[in-house]
Every structure is written in structure tokens, then in C-alpha cells.
Amino acid sequence: MWKNLELNGVQKIDKVSAEFVIWMHSMLSYGKMKIRIYEDQEGIFSGITDLHIKRKFDGDFEAAVGFGKTVEESLSETIRNFNSIIEQDYPNEQYHNGLSEEHIEYTEPSDF
């Protein structure tokens, strides 16, 4: 099994367990983002978005992440964390048309 592999020079192996396309037309200028779910050798799942949001407190772009014991749990947590960032920095009452291109950046396709 891949979790038990011990290879010279390799400290850790993560497996891509799932990739999801998430549609959020009312929030995102391009309408969608991807979330990739990884499983580590200890059986913990982590999710990360391919879309980064420009944070107001420092101007840096940040992806949402989430962790769980299952693919579904980490997917849900990642989406909740994404929505939390949006609610904190870009509340719907001020940004009722969603985020513009200046508020988001996508990961390079070769990196995701």
C-alpha cells in the first residue's frame, strides 16, 4: 500500500484523492473554482482551493484550506473556510455583485 512506502530521500507522500469543480456564479467573476483533496500517509485529508482571495488586512492572496477524516469532510470544511474569508473581507451587502478580477487570482494550472 502506498501509505507504507519508505523510499530513500522521500520524507512524505500525499495522494490526490479527489478534485471538485465548485460553481459559485453569484460570488466569483469566472463562476467557478476547483478544490483538490489530498490524503496523507496518516489518513488525514486536506483540501485547498485553486482560487486565492486578496485579503484586506495585508493585501496578500490566500487560498482556503480544510481538513477532515474523509474526502467529504475536508471538502465541506474547505468550502466553509472559503465562505468565511469572503464574509470577513467582502460582505454581500457591500459586494452584492460578487468578487471582481482584482479580488481573486487563480493558481497556475501547472501548479494545481
PDB file of N, CA and C in Angstrom:
ATOM      1  N   MET A   1       0.845  -1.180   0.000  1.00  0.00           N
ATOM      2  CA  MET A   1       0.000   0.000   0.000  1.00  0.00           C
ATOM      3  C   MET A   1       0.893   1.248   0.000  1.00  0.00           C
ATOM      4  N   TRP A   2       0.474   2.288  -0.702  1.00  0.00           N
ATOM      5  CA  TRP A   2       1.282   3.496  -0.858  1.00  0.00           C
ATOM      6  C   TRP A   2       1.597   4.175   0.467  1.00  0.00           C
ATOM      7  N   LYS A   3       0.710   4.053   1.461  1.00  0.00           N
ATOM      8  CA  LYS A   3       0.935   4.713   2.753  1.00  0.00           C
ATOM      9  C   LYS A   3       2.132   4.133   3.498  1.00  0.00           C
ATOM     10  N   ASN A   4       2.498   2.910   3.190  1.00  0.00           N
ATOM     11  CA  ASN A   4       3.581   2.244   3.900  1.00  0.00           C
ATOM     12  C   ASN A   4       4.921   2.289   3.163  1.00  0.00           C
ATOM     13  N   LEU A   5       4.951   2.943   2.022  1.00  0.00           N
ATOM     14  CA  LEU A   5       6.200   3.030   1.264  1.00  0.00           C
ATOM     15  C   LEU A   5       7.248   3.830   2.026  1.00  0.00           C
ATOM     16  N   GLU A   6       8.438   3.311   2.041  1.00  0.00           N
ATOM     17  CA  GLU A   6       9.582   4.023   2.599  1.00  0.00           C
ATOM     18  C   GLU A   6      10.638   4.056   1.519  1.00  0.00           C
ATOM     19  N   LEU A   7      10.842   5.232   0.954  1.00  0.00           N
ATOM     20  CA  LEU A   7      11.759   5.384  -0.175  1.00  0.00           C
ATOM     21  C   LEU A   7      12.888   6.332   0.197  1.00  0.00           C
ATOM     22  N   ASN A   8      14.064   6.015  -0.234  1.00  0.00           N
ATOM     23  CA  ASN A   8      15.230   6.824   0.053  1.00  0.00           C
ATOM     24  C   ASN A   8      15.024   8.262  -0.423  1.00  0.00           C
ATOM     25  N   GLY A   9      15.227   9.215   0.462  1.00  0.00           N
ATOM     26  CA  GLY A   9      15.104  10.624   0.120  1.00  0.00           C
ATOM     27  C   GLY A   9      13.689  11.169   0.165  1.00  0.00           C
ATOM     28  N   VAL A  10      12.694  10.325   0.405  1.00  0.00           N
ATOM     29  CA  VAL A  10      11.295  10.767   0.428  1.00  0.00           C
ATOM     30  C   VAL A  10      10.838  10.855   1.881  1.00  0.00           C
ATOM     31  N   GLN A  11      10.457  12.066   2.294  1.00  0.00           N
ATOM     32  CA  GLN A  11      10.004  12.261   3.663  1.00  0.00           C
ATOM     33  C   GLN A  11       8.504  12.042   3.819  1.00  0.00           C
ATOM     34  N   LYS A  12       7.748  12.320   2.771  1.00  0.00           N
ATOM     35  CA  LYS A  12       6.298  12.275   2.887  1.00  0.00           C
ATOM     36  C   LYS A  12       5.683  12.070   1.511  1.00  0.00           C
ATOM     37  N   ILE A  13       4.562  11.370   1.463  1.00  0.00           N
ATOM     38  CA  ILE A  13       3.802  11.184   0.220  1.00  0.00           C
ATOM     39  C   ILE A  13       2.367  11.603   0.491  1.00  0.00           C
ATOM     40  N   ASP A  14       1.833  12.449  -0.371  1.00  0.00           N
ATOM     41  CA  ASP A  14       0.417  12.815  -0.339  1.00  0.00           C
ATOM     42  C   ASP A  14      -0.231  12.312  -1.619  1.00  0.00           C
ATOM     43  N   LYS A  15      -1.414  11.771  -1.495  1.00  0.00           N
ATOM     44  CA  LYS A  15      -2.152  11.249  -2.644  1.00  0.00           C
ATOM     45  C   LYS A  15      -3.283  12.216  -2.992  1.00  0.00           C
ATOM     46  N   VAL A  16      -3.413  12.543  -4.272  1.00  0.00           N
ATOM     47  CA  VAL A  16      -4.570  13.326  -4.704  1.00  0.00           C
ATOM     48  C   VAL A  16      -5.760  12.370  -4.714  1.00  0.00           C
ATOM     49  N   SER A  17      -6.696  12.603  -3.809  1.00  0.00           N
ATOM     50  CA  SER A  17      -7.837  11.701  -3.654  1.00  0.00           C
ATOM     51  C   SER A  17      -9.043  12.128  -4.473  1.00  0.00           C
ATOM     52  N   ALA A  18      -9.180  13.438  -4.689  1.00  0.00           N
ATOM     53  CA  ALA A  18     -10.349  13.928  -5.426  1.00  0.00           C
ATOM     54  C   ALA A  18     -10.092  15.352  -5.890  1.00  0.00           C
ATOM     55  N   GLU A  19     -10.810  15.735  -6.920  1.00  0.00           N
ATOM     56  CA  GLU A  19     -10.806  17.118  -7.383  1.00  0.00           C
ATOM     57  C   GLU A  19     -12.234  17.474  -7.742  1.00  0.00           C
ATOM     58  N   PHE A  20     -12.669  18.636  -7.280  1.00  0.00           N
ATOM     59  CA  PHE A  20     -14.047  19.068  -7.482  1.00  0.00           C
ATOM     60  C   PHE A  20     -14.062  20.428  -8.167  1.00  0.00           C
ATOM     61  N   VAL A  21     -15.034  20.631  -9.036  1.00  0.00           N
ATOM     62  CA  VAL A  21     -15.292  21.938  -9.626  1.00  0.00           C
ATOM     63  C   VAL A  21     -16.497  22.501  -8.883  1.00  0.00           C
ATOM     64  N   ILE A  22     -16.301  23.660  -8.259  1.00  0.00           N
ATOM     65  CA  ILE A  22     -17.319  24.294  -7.437  1.00  0.00           C
ATOM     66  C   ILE A  22     -17.827  25.518  -8.179  1.00  0.00           C
ATOM     67  N   TRP A  23     -19.110  25.553  -8.448  1.00  0.00           N
ATOM     68  CA  TRP A  23     -19.735  26.667  -9.176  1.00  0.00           C
ATOM     69  C   TRP A  23     -20.360  27.638  -8.184  1.00  0.00           C
ATOM     70  N   MET A  24     -19.954  28.914  -8.285  1.00  0.00           N
ATOM     71  CA  MET A  24     -20.465  29.969  -7.408  1.00  0.00           C
ATOM     72  C   MET A  24     -20.631  31.236  -8.244  1.00  0.00           C
ATOM     73  N   HIS A  25     -21.565  31.218  -9.179  1.00  0.00           N
ATOM     74  CA  HIS A  25     -21.733  32.323 -10.128  1.00  0.00           C
ATOM     75  C   HIS A  25     -21.993  33.658  -9.454  1.00  0.00           C
ATOM     76  N   SER A  26     -22.752  33.655  -8.379  1.00  0.00           N
ATOM     77  CA  SER A  26     -23.096  34.930  -7.748  1.00  0.00           C
ATOM     78  C   SER A  26     -21.914  35.534  -6.985  1.00  0.00           C
ATOM     79  N   MET A  27     -20.889  34.750  -6.732  1.00  0.00           N
ATOM     80  CA  MET A  27     -19.767  35.208  -5.924  1.00  0.00           C
ATOM     81  C   MET A  27     -18.487  35.412  -6.730  1.00  0.00           C
ATOM     82  N   LEU A  28     -18.260  34.584  -7.739  1.00  0.00           N
ATOM     83  CA  LEU A  28     -16.990  34.590  -8.461  1.00  0.00           C
ATOM     84  C   LEU A  28     -17.137  35.147  -9.863  1.00  0.00           C
ATOM     85  N   SER A  29     -16.191  35.989 -10.253  1.00  0.00           N
ATOM     86  CA  SER A  29     -16.287  36.624 -11.566  1.00  0.00           C
ATOM     87  C   SER A  29     -16.214  35.620 -12.709  1.00  0.00           C
ATOM     88  N   TYR A  30     -15.501  34.504 -12.526  1.00  0.00           N
ATOM     89  CA  TYR A  30     -15.448  33.480 -13.561  1.00  0.00           C
ATOM     90  C   TYR A  30     -16.398  32.322 -13.278  1.00  0.00           C
ATOM     91  N   GLY A  31     -17.114  32.395 -12.155  1.00  0.00           N
ATOM     92  CA  GLY A  31     -18.173  31.441 -11.864  1.00  0.00           C
ATOM     93  C   GLY A  31     -17.768  30.166 -11.167  1.00  0.00           C
ATOM     94  N   LYS A  32     -16.482  29.791 -11.227  1.00  0.00           N
ATOM     95  CA  LYS A  32     -16.116  28.506 -10.636  1.00  0.00           C
ATOM     96  C   LYS A  32     -14.703  28.526 -10.073  1.00  0.00           C
ATOM     97  N   MET A  33     -14.453  27.540  -9.251  1.00  0.00           N
ATOM     98  CA  MET A  33     -13.116  27.273  -8.735  1.00  0.00           C
ATOM     99  C   MET A  33     -12.989  25.765  -8.587  1.00  0.00           C
ATOM    100  N   LYS A  34     -11.769  25.321  -8.357  1.00  0.00           N
ATOM    101  CA  LYS A  34     -11.518  23.904  -8.114  1.00  0.00           C
ATOM    102  C   LYS A  34     -11.032  23.724  -6.681  1.00  0.00           C
ATOM    103  N   ILE A  35     -11.380  22.592  -6.131  1.00  0.00           N
ATOM    104  CA  ILE A  35     -10.844  22.189  -4.838  1.00  0.00           C
ATOM    105  C   ILE A  35     -10.220  20.818  -5.023  1.00  0.00           C
ATOM    106  N   ARG A  36      -8.977  20.704  -4.615  1.00  0.00           N
ATOM    107  CA  ARG A  36      -8.282  19.429  -4.676  1.00  0.00           C
ATOM    108  C   ARG A  36      -8.156  18.894  -3.253  1.00  0.00           C
ATOM    109  N   ILE A  37      -8.430  17.601  -3.111  1.00  0.00           N
ATOM    110  CA  ILE A  37      -8.355  16.934  -1.814  1.00  0.00           C
ATOM    111  C   ILE A  37      -7.172  15.967  -1.832  1.00  0.00           C
ATOM    112  N   TYR A  38      -6.322  16.084  -0.830  1.00  0.00           N
ATOM    113  CA  TYR A  38      -5.158  15.210  -0.674  1.00  0.00           C
ATOM    114  C   TYR A  38      -5.340  14.326   0.555  1.00  0.00           C
ATOM    115  N   GLU A  39      -4.776  13.132   0.506  1.00  0.00           N
ATOM    116  CA  GLU A  39      -4.711  12.273   1.674  1.00  0.00           C
ATOM    117  C   GLU A  39      -3.246  12.058   2.008  1.00  0.00           C
ATOM    118  N   ASP A  40      -2.887  12.235   3.283  1.00  0.00           N
ATOM    119  CA  ASP A  40      -1.507  11.986   3.670  1.00  0.00           C
ATOM    120  C   ASP A  40      -1.337  10.554   4.159  1.00  0.00           C
ATOM    121  N   GLN A  41      -0.137  10.187   4.488  1.00  0.00           N
ATOM    122  CA  GLN A  41       0.154   8.804   4.868  1.00  0.00           C
ATOM    123  C   GLN A  41      -0.460   8.403   6.207  1.00  0.00           C
ATOM    124  N   GLU A  42      -0.910   9.382   6.983  1.00  0.00           N
ATOM    125  CA  GLU A  42      -1.583   9.088   8.240  1.00  0.00           C
ATOM    126  C   GLU A  42      -3.105   8.974   8.067  1.00  0.00           C
ATOM    127  N   GLY A  43      -3.584   9.170   6.848  1.00  0.00           N
ATOM    128  CA  GLY A  43      -5.019   9.058   6.573  1.00  0.00           C
ATOM    129  C   GLY A  43      -5.806  10.334   6.802  1.00  0.00           C
ATOM    130  N   ILE A  44      -5.131  11.470   6.949  1.00  0.00           N
ATOM    131  CA  ILE A  44      -5.800  12.761   7.119  1.00  0.00           C
ATOM    132  C   ILE A  44      -5.982  13.388   5.740  1.00  0.00           C
ATOM    133  N   PHE A  45      -7.167  13.918   5.503  1.00  0.00           N
ATOM    134  CA  PHE A  45      -7.491  14.561   4.236  1.00  0.00           C
ATOM    135  C   PHE A  45      -7.398  16.075   4.381  1.00  0.00           C
ATOM    136  N   SER A  46      -6.887  16.713   3.350  1.00  0.00           N
ATOM    137  CA  SER A  46      -6.819  18.172   3.335  1.00  0.00           C
ATOM    138  C   SER A  46      -7.273  18.675   1.976  1.00  0.00           C
ATOM    139  N   GLY A  47      -7.993  19.782   1.997  1.00  0.00           N
ATOM    140  CA  GLY A  47      -8.481  20.393   0.771  1.00  0.00           C
ATOM    141  C   GLY A  47      -7.884  21.773   0.597  1.00  0.00           C
ATOM    142  N   ILE A  48      -7.728  22.191  -0.646  1.00  0.00           N
ATOM    143  CA  ILE A  48      -7.231  23.530  -0.953  1.00  0.00           C
ATOM    144  C   ILE A  48      -7.884  24.018  -2.238  1.00  0.00           C
ATOM    145  N   THR A  49      -8.188  25.322  -2.277  1.00  0.00           N
ATOM    146  CA  THR A  49      -8.803  25.916  -3.462  1.00  0.00           C
ATOM    147  C   THR A  49      -7.719  26.340  -4.453  1.00  0.00           C
ATOM    148  N   ASP A  50      -8.080  26.339  -5.730  1.00  0.00           N
ATOM    149  CA  ASP A  50      -7.162  26.862  -6.738  1.00  0.00           C
ATOM    150  C   ASP A  50      -7.326  28.367  -6.895  1.00  0.00           C
ATOM    151  N   LEU A  51      -8.257  28.933  -6.183  1.00  0.00           N
ATOM    152  CA  LEU A  51      -8.547  30.356  -6.236  1.00  0.00           C
ATOM    153  C   LEU A  51      -8.076  30.995  -4.939  1.00  0.00           C
ATOM    154  N   HIS A  52      -7.377  32.100  -5.053  1.00  0.00           N
ATOM    155  CA  HIS A  52      -6.876  32.829  -3.895  1.00  0.00           C
ATOM    156  C   HIS A  52      -7.610  34.163  -3.807  1.00  0.00           C
ATOM    157  N   ILE A  53      -7.951  34.543  -2.598  1.00  0.00           N
ATOM    158  CA  ILE A  53      -8.686  35.783  -2.359  1.00  0.00           C
ATOM    159  C   ILE A  53      -7.739  36.818  -1.767  1.00  0.00           C
ATOM    160  N   LYS A  54      -7.816  38.034  -2.285  1.00  0.00           N
ATOM    161  CA  LYS A  54      -6.997  39.124  -1.759  1.00  0.00           C
ATOM    162  C   LYS A  54      -7.539  39.526  -0.396  1.00  0.00           C
ATOM    163  N   ARG A  55      -6.728  39.340   0.636  1.00  0.00           N
ATOM    164  CA  ARG A  55      -7.139  39.657   1.997  1.00  0.00           C
ATOM    165  C   ARG A  55      -6.988  41.153   2.250  1.00  0.00           C
ATOM    166  N   LYS A  56      -7.962  41.721   2.941  1.00  0.00           N
ATOM    167  CA  LYS A  56      -7.936  43.156   3.194  1.00  0.00           C
ATOM    168  C   LYS A  56      -6.923  43.551   4.259  1.00  0.00           C
ATOM    169  N   PHE A  57      -6.626  42.679   5.199  1.00  0.00           N
ATOM    170  CA  PHE A  57      -5.737  43.068   6.295  1.00  0.00           C
ATOM    171  C   PHE A  57      -4.276  43.192   5.882  1.00  0.00           C
ATOM    172  N   ASP A  58      -3.865  42.504   4.807  1.00  0.00           N
ATOM    173  CA  ASP A  58      -2.467  42.627   4.390  1.00  0.00           C
ATOM    174  C   ASP A  58      -2.269  42.724   2.873  1.00  0.00           C
ATOM    175  N   GLY A  59      -3.338  42.595   2.105  1.00  0.00           N
ATOM    176  CA  GLY A  59      -3.241  42.705   0.651  1.00  0.00           C
ATOM    177  C   GLY A  59      -2.699  41.482  -0.047  1.00  0.00           C
ATOM    178  N   ASP A  60      -2.388  40.439   0.706  1.00  0.00           N
ATOM    179  CA  ASP A  60      -1.891  39.200   0.110  1.00  0.00           C
ATOM    180  C   ASP A  60      -3.051  38.304  -0.312  1.00  0.00           C
ATOM    181  N   PHE A  61      -2.778  37.437  -1.271  1.00  0.00           N
ATOM    182  CA  PHE A  61      -3.772  36.480  -1.738  1.00  0.00           C
ATOM    183  C   PHE A  61      -3.662  35.197  -0.931  1.00  0.00           C
ATOM    184  N   GLU A  62      -4.814  34.642  -0.554  1.00  0.00           N
ATOM    185  CA  GLU A  62      -4.840  33.462   0.304  1.00  0.00           C
ATOM    186  C   GLU A  62      -5.838  32.438  -0.230  1.00  0.00           C
ATOM    187  N   ALA A  63      -5.412  31.187  -0.266  1.00  0.00           N
ATOM    188  CA  ALA A  63      -6.311  30.086  -0.629  1.00  0.00           C
ATOM    189  C   ALA A  63      -7.042  29.631   0.629  1.00  0.00           C
ATOM    190  N   ALA A  64      -8.191  29.030   0.442  1.00  0.00           N
ATOM    191  CA  ALA A  64      -8.900  28.419   1.562  1.00  0.00           C
ATOM    192  C   ALA A  64      -8.456  26.969   1.678  1.00  0.00           C
ATOM    193  N   VAL A  65      -8.345  26.489   2.911  1.00  0.00           N
ATOM    194  CA  VAL A  65      -7.968  25.106   3.168  1.00  0.00           C
ATOM    195  C   VAL A  65      -8.948  24.502   4.166  1.00  0.00           C
ATOM    196  N   GLY A  66      -9.005  23.199   4.198  1.00  0.00           N
ATOM    197  CA  GLY A  66      -9.849  22.497   5.155  1.00  0.00           C
ATOM    198  C   GLY A  66      -9.322  21.086   5.372  1.00  0.00           C
ATOM    199  N   PHE A  67      -9.572  20.563   6.560  1.00  0.00           N
ATOM    200  CA  PHE A  67      -9.076  19.239   6.929  1.00  0.00           C
ATOM    201  C   PHE A  67     -10.222  18.362   7.393  1.00  0.00           C
ATOM    202  N   GLY A  68     -10.034  17.049   7.314  1.00  0.00           N
ATOM    203  CA  GLY A  68     -11.058  16.138   7.786  1.00  0.00           C
ATOM    204  C   GLY A  68     -10.597  14.699   7.760  1.00  0.00           C
ATOM    205  N   LYS A  69     -11.471  13.841   8.261  1.00  0.00           N
ATOM    206  CA  LYS A  69     -11.194  12.404   8.291  1.00  0.00           C
ATOM    207  C   LYS A  69     -11.659  11.710   7.021  1.00  0.00           C
ATOM    208  N   THR A  70     -12.420  12.440   6.179  1.00  0.00           N
ATOM    209  CA  THR A  70     -12.917  11.902   4.912  1.00  0.00           C
ATOM    210  C   THR A  70     -12.768  12.961   3.827  1.00  0.00           C
ATOM    211  N   VAL A  71     -12.896  12.537   2.578  1.00  0.00           N
ATOM    212  CA  VAL A  71     -12.890  13.474   1.457  1.00  0.00           C
ATOM    213  C   VAL A  71     -14.009  14.491   1.636  1.00  0.00           C
ATOM    214  N   GLU A  72     -15.202  14.007   1.964  1.00  0.00           N
ATOM    215  CA  GLU A  72     -16.369  14.877   2.086  1.00  0.00           C
ATOM    216  C   GLU A  72     -16.207  15.887   3.215  1.00  0.00           C
ATOM    217  N   GLU A  73     -15.639  15.446   4.324  1.00  0.00           N
ATOM    218  CA  GLU A  73     -15.445  16.343   5.464  1.00  0.00           C
ATOM    219  C   GLU A  73     -14.443  17.450   5.121  1.00  0.00           C
ATOM    220  N   SER A  74     -13.364  17.098   4.468  1.00  0.00           N
ATOM    221  CA  SER A  74     -12.384  18.117   4.106  1.00  0.00           C
ATOM    222  C   SER A  74     -12.917  19.036   3.009  1.00  0.00           C
ATOM    223  N   LEU A  75     -13.717  18.525   2.085  1.00  0.00           N
ATOM    224  CA  LEU A  75     -14.350  19.369   1.068  1.00  0.00           C
ATOM    225  C   LEU A  75     -15.283  20.377   1.725  1.00  0.00           C
ATOM    226  N   SER A  76     -16.126  19.916   2.626  1.00  0.00           N
ATOM    227  CA  SER A  76     -17.063  20.814   3.322  1.00  0.00           C
ATOM    228  C   SER A  76     -16.325  21.876   4.117  1.00  0.00           C
ATOM    229  N   GLU A  77     -15.284  21.476   4.813  1.00  0.00           N
ATOM    230  CA  GLU A  77     -14.509  22.417   5.631  1.00  0.00           C
ATOM    231  C   GLU A  77     -13.802  23.452   4.754  1.00  0.00           C
ATOM    232  N   THR A  78     -13.303  23.030   3.611  1.00  0.00           N
ATOM    233  CA  THR A  78     -12.646  23.958   2.695  1.00  0.00           C
ATOM    234  C   THR A  78     -13.638  24.989   2.174  1.00  0.00           C
ATOM    235  N   ILE A  79     -14.831  24.557   1.794  1.00  0.00           N
ATOM    236  CA  ILE A  79     -15.853  25.495   1.309  1.00  0.00           C
ATOM    237  C   ILE A  79     -16.299  26.426   2.434  1.00  0.00           C
ATOM    238  N   ARG A  80     -16.480  25.895   3.646  1.00  0.00           N
ATOM    239  CA  ARG A  80     -16.843  26.754   4.786  1.00  0.00           C
ATOM    240  C   ARG A  80     -15.767  27.810   5.034  1.00  0.00           C
ATOM    241  N   ASN A  81     -14.515  27.415   4.974  1.00  0.00           N
ATOM    242  CA  ASN A  81     -13.430  28.368   5.189  1.00  0.00           C
ATOM    243  C   ASN A  81     -13.348  29.396   4.061  1.00  0.00           C
ATOM    244  N   PHE A  82     -13.604  28.977   2.839  1.00  0.00           N
ATOM    245  CA  PHE A  82     -13.652  29.911   1.709  1.00  0.00           C
ATOM    246  C   PHE A  82     -14.755  30.944   1.939  1.00  0.00           C
ATOM    247  N   ASN A  83     -15.941  30.466   2.298  1.00  0.00           N
ATOM    248  CA  ASN A  83     -17.055  31.376   2.555  1.00  0.00           C
ATOM    249  C   ASN A  83     -16.773  32.310   3.729  1.00  0.00           C
ATOM    250  N   SER A  84     -16.059  31.823   4.724  1.00  0.00           N
ATOM    251  CA  SER A  84     -15.705  32.647   5.874  1.00  0.00           C
ATOM    252  C   SER A  84     -14.779  33.797   5.472  1.00  0.00           C
ATOM    253  N   ILE A  85     -13.805  33.510   4.614  1.00  0.00           N
ATOM    254  CA  ILE A  85     -12.922  34.567   4.117  1.00  0.00           C
ATOM    255  C   ILE A  85     -13.731  35.608   3.367  1.00  0.00           C
ATOM    256  N   ILE A  86     -14.634  35.153   2.520  1.00  0.00           N
ATOM    257  CA  ILE A  86     -15.480  36.071   1.748  1.00  0.00           C
ATOM    258  C   ILE A  86     -16.319  36.945   2.695  1.00  0.00           C
ATOM    259  N   GLU A  87     -16.957  36.321   3.676  1.00  0.00           N
ATOM    260  CA  GLU A  87     -17.802  37.061   4.618  1.00  0.00           C
ATOM    261  C   GLU A  87     -16.997  38.083   5.414  1.00  0.00           C
ATOM    262  N   GLN A  88     -15.773  37.737   5.790  1.00  0.00           N
ATOM    263  CA  GLN A  88     -14.934  38.658   6.562  1.00  0.00           C
ATOM    264  C   GLN A  88     -14.499  39.862   5.742  1.00  0.00           C
ATOM    265  N   ASP A  89     -14.029  39.618   4.535  1.00  0.00           N
ATOM    266  CA  ASP A  89     -13.416  40.683   3.745  1.00  0.00           C
ATOM    267  C   ASP A  89     -14.338  41.324   2.707  1.00  0.00           C
ATOM    268  N   TYR A  90     -15.303  40.586   2.221  1.00  0.00           N
ATOM    269  CA  TYR A  90     -16.158  41.086   1.141  1.00  0.00           C
ATOM    270  C   TYR A  90     -17.627  40.748   1.425  1.00  0.00           C
ATOM    271  N   PRO A  91     -18.214  41.346   2.473  1.00  0.00           N
ATOM    272  CA  PRO A  91     -19.603  41.019   2.823  1.00  0.00           C
ATOM    273  C   PRO A  91     -20.563  41.325   1.677  1.00  0.00           C
ATOM    274  N   ASN A  92     -21.556  40.470   1.550  1.00  0.00           N
ATOM    275  CA  ASN A  92     -22.515  40.564   0.449  1.00  0.00           C
ATOM    276  C   ASN A  92     -23.205  41.929   0.384  1.00  0.00           C
ATOM    277  N   GLU A  93     -23.460  42.542   1.524  1.00  0.00           N
ATOM    278  CA  GLU A  93     -24.146  43.841   1.496  1.00  0.00           C
ATOM    279  C   GLU A  93     -23.295  44.938   0.866  1.00  0.00           C
ATOM    280  N   GLN A  94     -21.982  44.787   0.861  1.00  0.00           N
ATOM    281  CA  GLN A  94     -21.092  45.749   0.204  1.00  0.00           C
ATOM    282  C   GLN A  94     -20.653  45.289  -1.185  1.00  0.00           C
ATOM    283  N   TYR A  95     -20.622  43.996  -1.402  1.00  0.00           N
ATOM    284  CA  TYR A  95     -20.163  43.422  -2.671  1.00  0.00           C
ATOM    285  C   TYR A  95     -21.260  42.516  -3.230  1.00  0.00           C
ATOM    286  N   HIS A  96     -22.422  43.081  -3.433  1.00  0.00           N
ATOM    287  CA  HIS A  96     -23.585  42.283  -3.853  1.00  0.00           C
ATOM    288  C   HIS A  96     -23.440  41.705  -5.249  1.00  0.00           C
ATOM    289  N   ASN A  97     -22.472  42.180  -6.027  1.00  0.00           N
ATOM    290  CA  ASN A  97     -22.212  41.599  -7.356  1.00  0.00           C
ATOM    291  C   ASN A  97     -21.098  40.566  -7.318  1.00  0.00           C
ATOM    292  N   GLY A  98     -20.622  40.228  -6.141  1.00  0.00           N
ATOM    293  CA  GLY A  98     -19.557  39.248  -6.009  1.00  0.00           C
ATOM    294  C   GLY A  98     -18.186  39.873  -6.147  1.00  0.00           C
ATOM    295  N   LEU A  99     -17.195  39.040  -6.287  1.00  0.00           N
ATOM    296  CA  LEU A  99     -15.812  39.495  -6.364  1.00  0.00           C
ATOM    297  C   LEU A  99     -15.426  39.819  -7.799  1.00  0.00           C
ATOM    298  N   SER A 100     -14.654  40.875  -7.960  1.00  0.00           N
ATOM    299  CA  SER A 100     -14.152  41.218  -9.290  1.00  0.00           C
ATOM    300  C   SER A 100     -12.794  40.561  -9.488  1.00  0.00           C
ATOM    301  N   GLU A 101     -12.251  40.708 -10.675  1.00  0.00           N
ATOM    302  CA  GLU A 101     -10.962  40.104 -11.003  1.00  0.00           C
ATOM    303  C   GLU A 101      -9.839  40.631 -10.112  1.00  0.00           C
ATOM    304  N   GLU A 102      -9.964  41.836  -9.608  1.00  0.00           N
ATOM    305  CA  GLU A 102      -8.908  42.395  -8.753  1.00  0.00           C
ATOM    306  C   GLU A 102      -8.869  41.747  -7.370  1.00  0.00           C
ATOM    307  N   HIS A 103      -9.933  41.077  -6.970  1.00  0.00           N
ATOM    308  CA  HIS A 103     -10.013  40.455  -5.654  1.00  0.00           C
ATOM    309  C   HIS A 103      -9.568  38.996  -5.636  1.00  0.00           C
ATOM    310  N   ILE A 104      -9.361  38.420  -6.809  1.00  0.00           N
ATOM    311  CA  ILE A 104      -9.041  36.990  -6.864  1.00  0.00           C
ATOM    312  C   ILE A 104      -7.874  36.732  -7.813  1.00  0.00           C
ATOM    313  N   GLU A 105      -7.199  35.620  -7.572  1.00  0.00           N
ATOM    314  CA  GLU A 105      -6.210  35.127  -8.522  1.00  0.00           C
ATOM    315  C   GLU A 105      -6.249  33.612  -8.463  1.00  0.00           C
ATOM    316  N   TYR A 106      -6.080  33.012  -9.614  1.00  0.00           N
ATOM    317  CA  TYR A 106      -6.094  31.561  -9.712  1.00  0.00           C
ATOM    318  C   TYR A 106      -4.669  31.027  -9.690  1.00  0.00           C
ATOM    319  N   THR A 107      -4.521  29.846  -9.124  1.00  0.00           N
ATOM    320  CA  THR A 107      -3.247  29.143  -9.156  1.00  0.00           C
ATOM    321  C   THR A 107      -2.903  28.820 -10.604  1.00  0.00           C
ATOM    322  N   GLU A 108      -1.639  28.857 -10.916  1.00  0.00           N
ATOM    323  CA  GLU A 108      -1.206  28.451 -12.251  1.00  0.00           C
ATOM    324  C   GLU A 108      -1.661  27.026 -12.504  1.00  0.00           C
ATOM    325  N   PRO A 109      -2.225  26.745 -13.671  1.00  0.00           N
ATOM    326  CA  PRO A 109      -2.697  25.372 -13.951  1.00  0.00           C
ATOM    327  C   PRO A 109      -1.629  24.297 -13.744  1.00  0.00           C
ATOM    328  N   SER A 110      -0.379  24.643 -14.011  1.00  0.00           N
ATOM    329  CA  SER A 110       0.689  23.659 -13.827  1.00  0.00           C
ATOM    330  C   SER A 110       0.966  23.376 -12.347  1.00  0.00           C
ATOM    331  N   ASP A 111       0.513  24.251 -11.460  1.00  0.00           N
ATOM    332  CA  ASP A 111       0.718  24.077 -10.024  1.00  0.00           C
ATOM    333  C   ASP A 111      -0.445  23.374  -9.344  1.00  0.00           C
ATOM    334  N   PHE A 112      -1.539  23.175 -10.080  1.00  0.00           N
ATOM    335  CA  PHE A 112      -2.714  22.625  -9.427  1.00  0.00           C
ATOM    336  C   PHE A 112      -3.124  21.334 -10.084  1.00  0.00           C
TER     337      PHE A 112
END
